[in-house]
Amino acid sequence: MSRRTSLKITDERERQLEKASEIVASGPDDDPPMSVVIDAALAHLIQPEQNIREARGEMDPATIQQFNTDVIGL
């Protein structure tokens, strides 16, 4: 991963951040900072990947395949 000093916010990325912000918000009047939204999105990406890897020894591959996404393809 390369490090950049700025993050380009495209229209699509803005829509995704707004949707993620609504999910992370504690209520309709909450407006969480972008750092909190990004942290939550990263945690949501990392946790399922770990869970799927751990389940490999307990579940058959066809069942695990059902949990793959566009981002997590194991």
PDB file of N, CA and C in Angstrom:
ATOM      1  N   MET A   1       0.848  -1.166   0.000  1.00  0.00           N
ATOM      2  CA  MET A   1       0.000   0.000   0.000  1.00  0.00           C
ATOM      3  C   MET A   1       0.900   1.238   0.000  1.00  0.00           C
ATOM      4  N   SER A   2       0.610   2.119  -0.915  1.00  0.00           N
ATOM      5  CA  SER A   2       1.375   3.363  -0.931  1.00  0.00           C
ATOM      6  C   SER A   2       0.704   4.386  -0.021  1.00  0.00           C
ATOM      7  N   ARG A   3       1.486   5.231   0.556  1.00  0.00           N
ATOM      8  CA  ARG A   3       0.959   6.267   1.455  1.00  0.00           C
ATOM      9  C   ARG A   3       0.842   7.567   0.671  1.00  0.00           C
ATOM     10  N   ARG A   4      -0.267   8.224   0.850  1.00  0.00           N
ATOM     11  CA  ARG A   4      -0.503   9.498   0.178  1.00  0.00           C
ATOM     12  C   ARG A   4      -0.820  10.547   1.218  1.00  0.00           C
ATOM     13  N   THR A   5      -0.571  11.776   0.855  1.00  0.00           N
ATOM     14  CA  THR A   5      -0.835  12.853   1.799  1.00  0.00           C
ATOM     15  C   THR A   5      -2.270  13.339   1.730  1.00  0.00           C
ATOM     16  N   SER A   6      -2.982  12.986   0.655  1.00  0.00           N
ATOM     17  CA  SER A   6      -4.383  13.398   0.548  1.00  0.00           C
ATOM     18  C   SER A   6      -5.204  12.258  -0.038  1.00  0.00           C
ATOM     19  N   LEU A   7      -6.477  12.303   0.207  1.00  0.00           N
ATOM     20  CA  LEU A   7      -7.405  11.290  -0.276  1.00  0.00           C
ATOM     21  C   LEU A   7      -8.374  11.958  -1.226  1.00  0.00           C
ATOM     22  N   LYS A   8      -8.371  11.516  -2.482  1.00  0.00           N
ATOM     23  CA  LYS A   8      -9.280  12.105  -3.459  1.00  0.00           C
ATOM     24  C   LYS A   8     -10.681  11.551  -3.210  1.00  0.00           C
ATOM     25  N   ILE A   9     -11.626  12.435  -2.987  1.00  0.00           N
ATOM     26  CA  ILE A   9     -12.998  12.039  -2.709  1.00  0.00           C
ATOM     27  C   ILE A   9     -13.813  12.183  -4.002  1.00  0.00           C
ATOM     28  N   THR A  10     -13.937  11.084  -4.717  1.00  0.00           N
ATOM     29  CA  THR A  10     -14.765  11.078  -5.919  1.00  0.00           C
ATOM     30  C   THR A  10     -16.236  11.057  -5.508  1.00  0.00           C
ATOM     31  N   ASP A  11     -17.116  11.289  -6.462  1.00  0.00           N
ATOM     32  CA  ASP A  11     -18.547  11.258  -6.157  1.00  0.00           C
ATOM     33  C   ASP A  11     -18.955   9.897  -5.605  1.00  0.00           C
ATOM     34  N   GLU A  12     -18.459   8.824  -6.212  1.00  0.00           N
ATOM     35  CA  GLU A  12     -18.802   7.483  -5.746  1.00  0.00           C
ATOM     36  C   GLU A  12     -18.264   7.239  -4.342  1.00  0.00           C
ATOM     37  N   ARG A  13     -17.036   7.665  -4.086  1.00  0.00           N
ATOM     38  CA  ARG A  13     -16.451   7.490  -2.754  1.00  0.00           C
ATOM     39  C   ARG A  13     -17.224   8.313  -1.724  1.00  0.00           C
ATOM     40  N   GLU A  14     -17.665   9.492  -2.104  1.00  0.00           N
ATOM     41  CA  GLU A  14     -18.464  10.325  -1.203  1.00  0.00           C
ATOM     42  C   GLU A  14     -19.771   9.621  -0.843  1.00  0.00           C
ATOM     43  N   ARG A  15     -20.433   9.014  -1.831  1.00  0.00           N
ATOM     44  CA  ARG A  15     -21.677   8.269  -1.563  1.00  0.00           C
ATOM     45  C   ARG A  15     -21.413   7.102  -0.622  1.00  0.00           C
ATOM     46  N   GLN A  16     -20.316   6.389  -0.846  1.00  0.00           N
ATOM     47  CA  GLN A  16     -19.982   5.261   0.019  1.00  0.00           C
ATOM     48  C   GLN A  16     -19.683   5.727   1.438  1.00  0.00           C
ATOM     49  N   LEU A  17     -18.970   6.827   1.570  1.00  0.00           N
ATOM     50  CA  LEU A  17     -18.668   7.357   2.897  1.00  0.00           C
ATOM     51  C   LEU A  17     -19.943   7.816   3.608  1.00  0.00           C
ATOM     52  N   GLU A  18     -20.851   8.434   2.882  1.00  0.00           N
ATOM     53  CA  GLU A  18     -22.112   8.869   3.484  1.00  0.00           C
ATOM     54  C   GLU A  18     -22.927   7.672   3.973  1.00  0.00           C
ATOM     55  N   LYS A  19     -23.006   6.629   3.142  1.00  0.00           N
ATOM     56  CA  LYS A  19     -23.750   5.426   3.533  1.00  0.00           C
ATOM     57  C   LYS A  19     -23.093   4.773   4.754  1.00  0.00           C
ATOM     58  N   ALA A  20     -21.761   4.659   4.724  1.00  0.00           N
ATOM     59  CA  ALA A  20     -21.038   4.075   5.857  1.00  0.00           C
ATOM     60  C   ALA A  20     -21.221   4.922   7.111  1.00  0.00           C
ATOM     61  N   SER A  21     -21.247   6.232   6.949  1.00  0.00           N
ATOM     62  CA  SER A  21     -21.441   7.128   8.084  1.00  0.00           C
ATOM     63  C   SER A  21     -22.801   6.907   8.732  1.00  0.00           C
ATOM     64  N   GLU A  22     -23.833   6.685   7.909  1.00  0.00           N
ATOM     65  CA  GLU A  22     -25.165   6.411   8.443  1.00  0.00           C
ATOM     66  C   GLU A  22     -25.180   5.106   9.240  1.00  0.00           C
ATOM     67  N   ILE A  23     -24.421   4.127   8.780  1.00  0.00           N
ATOM     68  CA  ILE A  23     -24.356   2.830   9.465  1.00  0.00           C
ATOM     69  C   ILE A  23     -23.633   2.975  10.804  1.00  0.00           C
ATOM     70  N   VAL A  24     -22.556   3.748  10.822  1.00  0.00           N
ATOM     71  CA  VAL A  24     -21.733   3.910  12.021  1.00  0.00           C
ATOM     72  C   VAL A  24     -22.383   4.842  13.039  1.00  0.00           C
ATOM     73  N   ALA A  25     -23.175   5.789  12.579  1.00  0.00           N
ATOM     74  CA  ALA A  25     -23.772   6.800  13.462  1.00  0.00           C
ATOM     75  C   ALA A  25     -24.602   6.151  14.565  1.00  0.00           C
ATOM     76  N   SER A  26     -24.542   6.758  15.730  1.00  0.00           N
ATOM     77  CA  SER A  26     -25.288   6.215  16.881  1.00  0.00           C
ATOM     78  C   SER A  26     -26.743   6.663  16.885  1.00  0.00           C
ATOM     79  N   GLY A  27     -27.097   7.562  15.998  1.00  0.00           N
ATOM     80  CA  GLY A  27     -28.474   8.040  15.910  1.00  0.00           C
ATOM     81  C   GLY A  27     -28.615   8.979  14.733  1.00  0.00           C
ATOM     82  N   PRO A  28     -29.841   9.422  14.444  1.00  0.00           N
ATOM     83  CA  PRO A  28     -30.073  10.260  13.272  1.00  0.00           C
ATOM     84  C   PRO A  28     -29.369  11.621  13.332  1.00  0.00           C
ATOM     85  N   ASP A  29     -29.051  12.098  14.518  1.00  0.00           N
ATOM     86  CA  ASP A  29     -28.385  13.392  14.651  1.00  0.00           C
ATOM     87  C   ASP A  29     -26.871  13.274  14.803  1.00  0.00           C
ATOM     88  N   ASP A  30     -26.347  12.049  14.804  1.00  0.00           N
ATOM     89  CA  ASP A  30     -24.907  11.828  14.960  1.00  0.00           C
ATOM     90  C   ASP A  30     -24.219  11.969  13.606  1.00  0.00           C
ATOM     91  N   ASP A  31     -23.109  12.669  13.571  1.00  0.00           N
ATOM     92  CA  ASP A  31     -22.304  12.835  12.359  1.00  0.00           C
ATOM     93  C   ASP A  31     -20.871  12.452  12.702  1.00  0.00           C
ATOM     94  N   PRO A  32     -20.548  11.148  12.644  1.00  0.00           N
ATOM     95  CA  PRO A  32     -19.218  10.706  13.062  1.00  0.00           C
ATOM     96  C   PRO A  32     -18.123  11.251  12.144  1.00  0.00           C
ATOM     97  N   PRO A  33     -16.936  11.497  12.690  1.00  0.00           N
ATOM     98  CA  PRO A  33     -15.820  11.955  11.863  1.00  0.00           C
ATOM     99  C   PRO A  33     -15.437  10.881  10.837  1.00  0.00           C
ATOM    100  N   MET A  34     -14.870  11.324   9.726  1.00  0.00           N
ATOM    101  CA  MET A  34     -14.474  10.399   8.674  1.00  0.00           C
ATOM    102  C   MET A  34     -13.505   9.343   9.195  1.00  0.00           C
ATOM    103  N   SER A  35     -12.632   9.705  10.128  1.00  0.00           N
ATOM    104  CA  SER A  35     -11.670   8.733  10.656  1.00  0.00           C
ATOM    105  C   SER A  35     -12.384   7.575  11.353  1.00  0.00           C
ATOM    106  N   VAL A  36     -13.489   7.858  12.047  1.00  0.00           N
ATOM    107  CA  VAL A  36     -14.257   6.815  12.721  1.00  0.00           C
ATOM    108  C   VAL A  36     -14.928   5.910  11.691  1.00  0.00           C
ATOM    109  N   VAL A  37     -15.456   6.512  10.630  1.00  0.00           N
ATOM    110  CA  VAL A  37     -16.105   5.739   9.562  1.00  0.00           C
ATOM    111  C   VAL A  37     -15.088   4.839   8.874  1.00  0.00           C
ATOM    112  N   ILE A  38     -13.923   5.372   8.561  1.00  0.00           N
ATOM    113  CA  ILE A  38     -12.873   4.578   7.901  1.00  0.00           C
ATOM    114  C   ILE A  38     -12.391   3.468   8.817  1.00  0.00           C
ATOM    115  N   ASP A  39     -12.185   3.763  10.107  1.00  0.00           N
ATOM    116  CA  ASP A  39     -11.767   2.728  11.065  1.00  0.00           C
ATOM    117  C   ASP A  39     -12.794   1.597  11.130  1.00  0.00           C
ATOM    118  N   ALA A  40     -14.076   1.953  11.142  1.00  0.00           N
ATOM    119  CA  ALA A  40     -15.132   0.936  11.197  1.00  0.00           C
ATOM    120  C   ALA A  40     -15.132   0.091   9.932  1.00  0.00           C
ATOM    121  N   ALA A  41     -14.940   0.728   8.778  1.00  0.00           N
ATOM    122  CA  ALA A  41     -14.914  -0.009   7.517  1.00  0.00           C
ATOM    123  C   ALA A  41     -13.722  -0.958   7.466  1.00  0.00           C
ATOM    124  N   LEU A  42     -12.583  -0.516   7.944  1.00  0.00           N
ATOM    125  CA  LEU A  42     -11.401  -1.382   7.968  1.00  0.00           C
ATOM    126  C   LEU A  42     -11.608  -2.570   8.909  1.00  0.00           C
ATOM    127  N   ALA A  43     -12.170  -2.310  10.080  1.00  0.00           N
ATOM    128  CA  ALA A  43     -12.440  -3.392  11.030  1.00  0.00           C
ATOM    129  C   ALA A  43     -13.414  -4.394  10.417  1.00  0.00           C
ATOM    130  N   HIS A  44     -14.422  -3.884   9.702  1.00  0.00           N
ATOM    131  CA  HIS A  44     -15.415  -4.756   9.079  1.00  0.00           C
ATOM    132  C   HIS A  44     -14.800  -5.603   7.964  1.00  0.00           C
ATOM    133  N   LEU A  45     -13.772  -5.120   7.322  1.00  0.00           N
ATOM    134  CA  LEU A  45     -13.072  -5.886   6.297  1.00  0.00           C
ATOM    135  C   LEU A  45     -12.170  -6.944   6.918  1.00  0.00           C
ATOM    136  N   ILE A  46     -11.475  -6.586   7.965  1.00  0.00           N
ATOM    137  CA  ILE A  46     -10.496  -7.488   8.583  1.00  0.00           C
ATOM    138  C   ILE A  46     -11.171  -8.614   9.366  1.00  0.00           C
ATOM    139  N   GLN A  47     -12.193  -8.308  10.141  1.00  0.00           N
ATOM    140  CA  GLN A  47     -12.837  -9.321  10.979  1.00  0.00           C
ATOM    141  C   GLN A  47     -13.445 -10.471  10.169  1.00  0.00           C
ATOM    142  N   PRO A  48     -14.202 -10.223   9.103  1.00  0.00           N
ATOM    143  CA  PRO A  48     -14.759 -11.355   8.354  1.00  0.00           C
ATOM    144  C   PRO A  48     -13.678 -12.216   7.704  1.00  0.00           C
ATOM    145  N   GLU A  49     -12.618 -11.584   7.239  1.00  0.00           N
ATOM    146  CA  GLU A  49     -11.530 -12.358   6.631  1.00  0.00           C
ATOM    147  C   GLU A  49     -10.919 -13.300   7.657  1.00  0.00           C
ATOM    148  N   GLN A  50     -10.712 -12.820   8.873  1.00  0.00           N
ATOM    149  CA  GLN A  50     -10.175 -13.666   9.940  1.00  0.00           C
ATOM    150  C   GLN A  50     -11.160 -14.783  10.283  1.00  0.00           C
ATOM    151  N   ASN A  51     -12.447 -14.445  10.363  1.00  0.00           N
ATOM    152  CA  ASN A  51     -13.462 -15.448  10.685  1.00  0.00           C
ATOM    153  C   ASN A  51     -13.526 -16.540   9.622  1.00  0.00           C
ATOM    154  N   ILE A  52     -13.448 -16.163   8.369  1.00  0.00           N
ATOM    155  CA  ILE A  52     -13.498 -17.144   7.280  1.00  0.00           C
ATOM    156  C   ILE A  52     -12.278 -18.053   7.345  1.00  0.00           C
ATOM    157  N   ARG A  53     -11.105 -17.476   7.562  1.00  0.00           N
ATOM    158  CA  ARG A  53      -9.891 -18.308   7.661  1.00  0.00           C
ATOM    159  C   ARG A  53      -9.990 -19.293   8.831  1.00  0.00           C
ATOM    160  N   GLU A  54     -10.519 -18.843   9.954  1.00  0.00           N
ATOM    161  CA  GLU A  54     -10.657 -19.719  11.115  1.00  0.00           C
ATOM    162  C   GLU A  54     -11.688 -20.821  10.860  1.00  0.00           C
ATOM    163  N   ALA A  55     -12.722 -20.512  10.092  1.00  0.00           N
ATOM    164  CA  ALA A  55     -13.780 -21.486   9.819  1.00  0.00           C
ATOM    165  C   ALA A  55     -13.361 -22.550   8.817  1.00  0.00           C
ATOM    166  N   ARG A  56     -12.295 -22.333   8.108  1.00  0.00           N
ATOM    167  CA  ARG A  56     -11.867 -23.290   7.081  1.00  0.00           C
ATOM    168  C   ARG A  56     -11.685 -24.700   7.626  1.00  0.00           C
ATOM    169  N   GLY A  57     -11.218 -24.834   8.846  1.00  0.00           N
ATOM    170  CA  GLY A  57     -11.020 -26.153   9.417  1.00  0.00           C
ATOM    171  C   GLY A  57     -12.302 -26.790   9.919  1.00  0.00           C
ATOM    172  N   GLU A  58     -13.352 -25.998  10.069  1.00  0.00           N
ATOM    173  CA  GLU A  58     -14.599 -26.486  10.648  1.00  0.00           C
ATOM    174  C   GLU A  58     -15.725 -26.643   9.637  1.00  0.00           C
ATOM    175  N   MET A  59     -15.642 -25.937   8.509  1.00  0.00           N
ATOM    176  CA  MET A  59     -16.729 -25.957   7.532  1.00  0.00           C
ATOM    177  C   MET A  59     -16.206 -26.424   6.178  1.00  0.00           C
ATOM    178  N   ASP A  60     -17.125 -26.968   5.383  1.00  0.00           N
ATOM    179  CA  ASP A  60     -16.706 -27.418   4.059  1.00  0.00           C
ATOM    180  C   ASP A  60     -16.528 -26.197   3.143  1.00  0.00           C
ATOM    181  N   PRO A  61     -15.686 -26.315   2.100  1.00  0.00           N
ATOM    182  CA  PRO A  61     -15.391 -25.183   1.213  1.00  0.00           C
ATOM    183  C   PRO A  61     -16.629 -24.574   0.547  1.00  0.00           C
ATOM    184  N   ALA A  62     -17.633 -25.380   0.219  1.00  0.00           N
ATOM    185  CA  ALA A  62     -18.835 -24.853  -0.433  1.00  0.00           C
ATOM    186  C   ALA A  62     -19.580 -23.896   0.487  1.00  0.00           C
ATOM    187  N   THR A  63     -19.621 -24.201   1.762  1.00  0.00           N
ATOM    188  CA  THR A  63     -20.279 -23.317   2.721  1.00  0.00           C
ATOM    189  C   THR A  63     -19.501 -22.018   2.873  1.00  0.00           C
ATOM    190  N   ILE A  64     -18.201 -22.124   2.991  1.00  0.00           N
ATOM    191  CA  ILE A  64     -17.360 -20.928   3.133  1.00  0.00           C
ATOM    192  C   ILE A  64     -17.473 -20.048   1.891  1.00  0.00           C
ATOM    193  N   GLN A  65     -17.573 -20.646   0.725  1.00  0.00           N
ATOM    194  CA  GLN A  65     -17.676 -19.891  -0.534  1.00  0.00           C
ATOM    195  C   GLN A  65     -18.883 -18.952  -0.522  1.00  0.00           C
ATOM    196  N   GLN A  66     -19.927 -19.312   0.204  1.00  0.00           N
ATOM    197  CA  GLN A  66     -21.130 -18.477   0.280  1.00  0.00           C
ATOM    198  C   GLN A  66     -20.851 -17.122   0.935  1.00  0.00           C
ATOM    199  N   PHE A  67     -19.777 -17.021   1.707  1.00  0.00           N
ATOM    200  CA  PHE A  67     -19.476 -15.796   2.433  1.00  0.00           C
ATOM    201  C   PHE A  67     -18.505 -14.888   1.685  1.00  0.00           C
ATOM    202  N   ASN A  68     -18.044 -15.335   0.512  1.00  0.00           N
ATOM    203  CA  ASN A  68     -17.164 -14.486  -0.287  1.00  0.00           C
ATOM    204  C   ASN A  68     -17.919 -13.257  -0.765  1.00  0.00           C
ATOM    205  N   THR A  69     -17.213 -12.168  -0.927  1.00  0.00           N
ATOM    206  CA  THR A  69     -17.789 -10.924  -1.436  1.00  0.00           C
ATOM    207  C   THR A  69     -16.895 -10.411  -2.560  1.00  0.00           C
ATOM    208  N   ASP A  70     -17.224  -9.269  -3.120  1.00  0.00           N
ATOM    209  CA  ASP A  70     -16.363  -8.663  -4.136  1.00  0.00           C
ATOM    210  C   ASP A  70     -15.004  -8.307  -3.556  1.00  0.00           C
ATOM    211  N   VAL A  71     -14.955  -8.074  -2.251  1.00  0.00           N
ATOM    212  CA  VAL A  71     -13.718  -7.668  -1.612  1.00  0.00           C
ATOM    213  C   VAL A  71     -12.976  -8.854  -1.004  1.00  0.00           C
ATOM    214  N   ILE A  72     -13.735  -9.748  -0.361  1.00  0.00           N
ATOM    215  CA  ILE A  72     -13.134 -10.927   0.265  1.00  0.00           C
ATOM    216  C   ILE A  72     -13.458 -12.132  -0.598  1.00  0.00           C
ATOM    217  N   GLY A  73     -12.474 -12.611  -1.320  1.00  0.00           N
ATOM    218  CA  GLY A  73     -12.676 -13.783  -2.159  1.00  0.00           C
ATOM    219  C   GLY A  73     -11.687 -14.867  -1.778  1.00  0.00           C
ATOM    220  N   LEU A  74     -12.050 -15.679  -0.818  1.00  0.00           N
ATOM    221  CA  LEU A  74     -11.152 -16.745  -0.343  1.00  0.00           C
ATOM    222  C   LEU A  74     -11.599 -18.079  -0.883  1.00  0.00           C
TER     223      LEU A  74
END
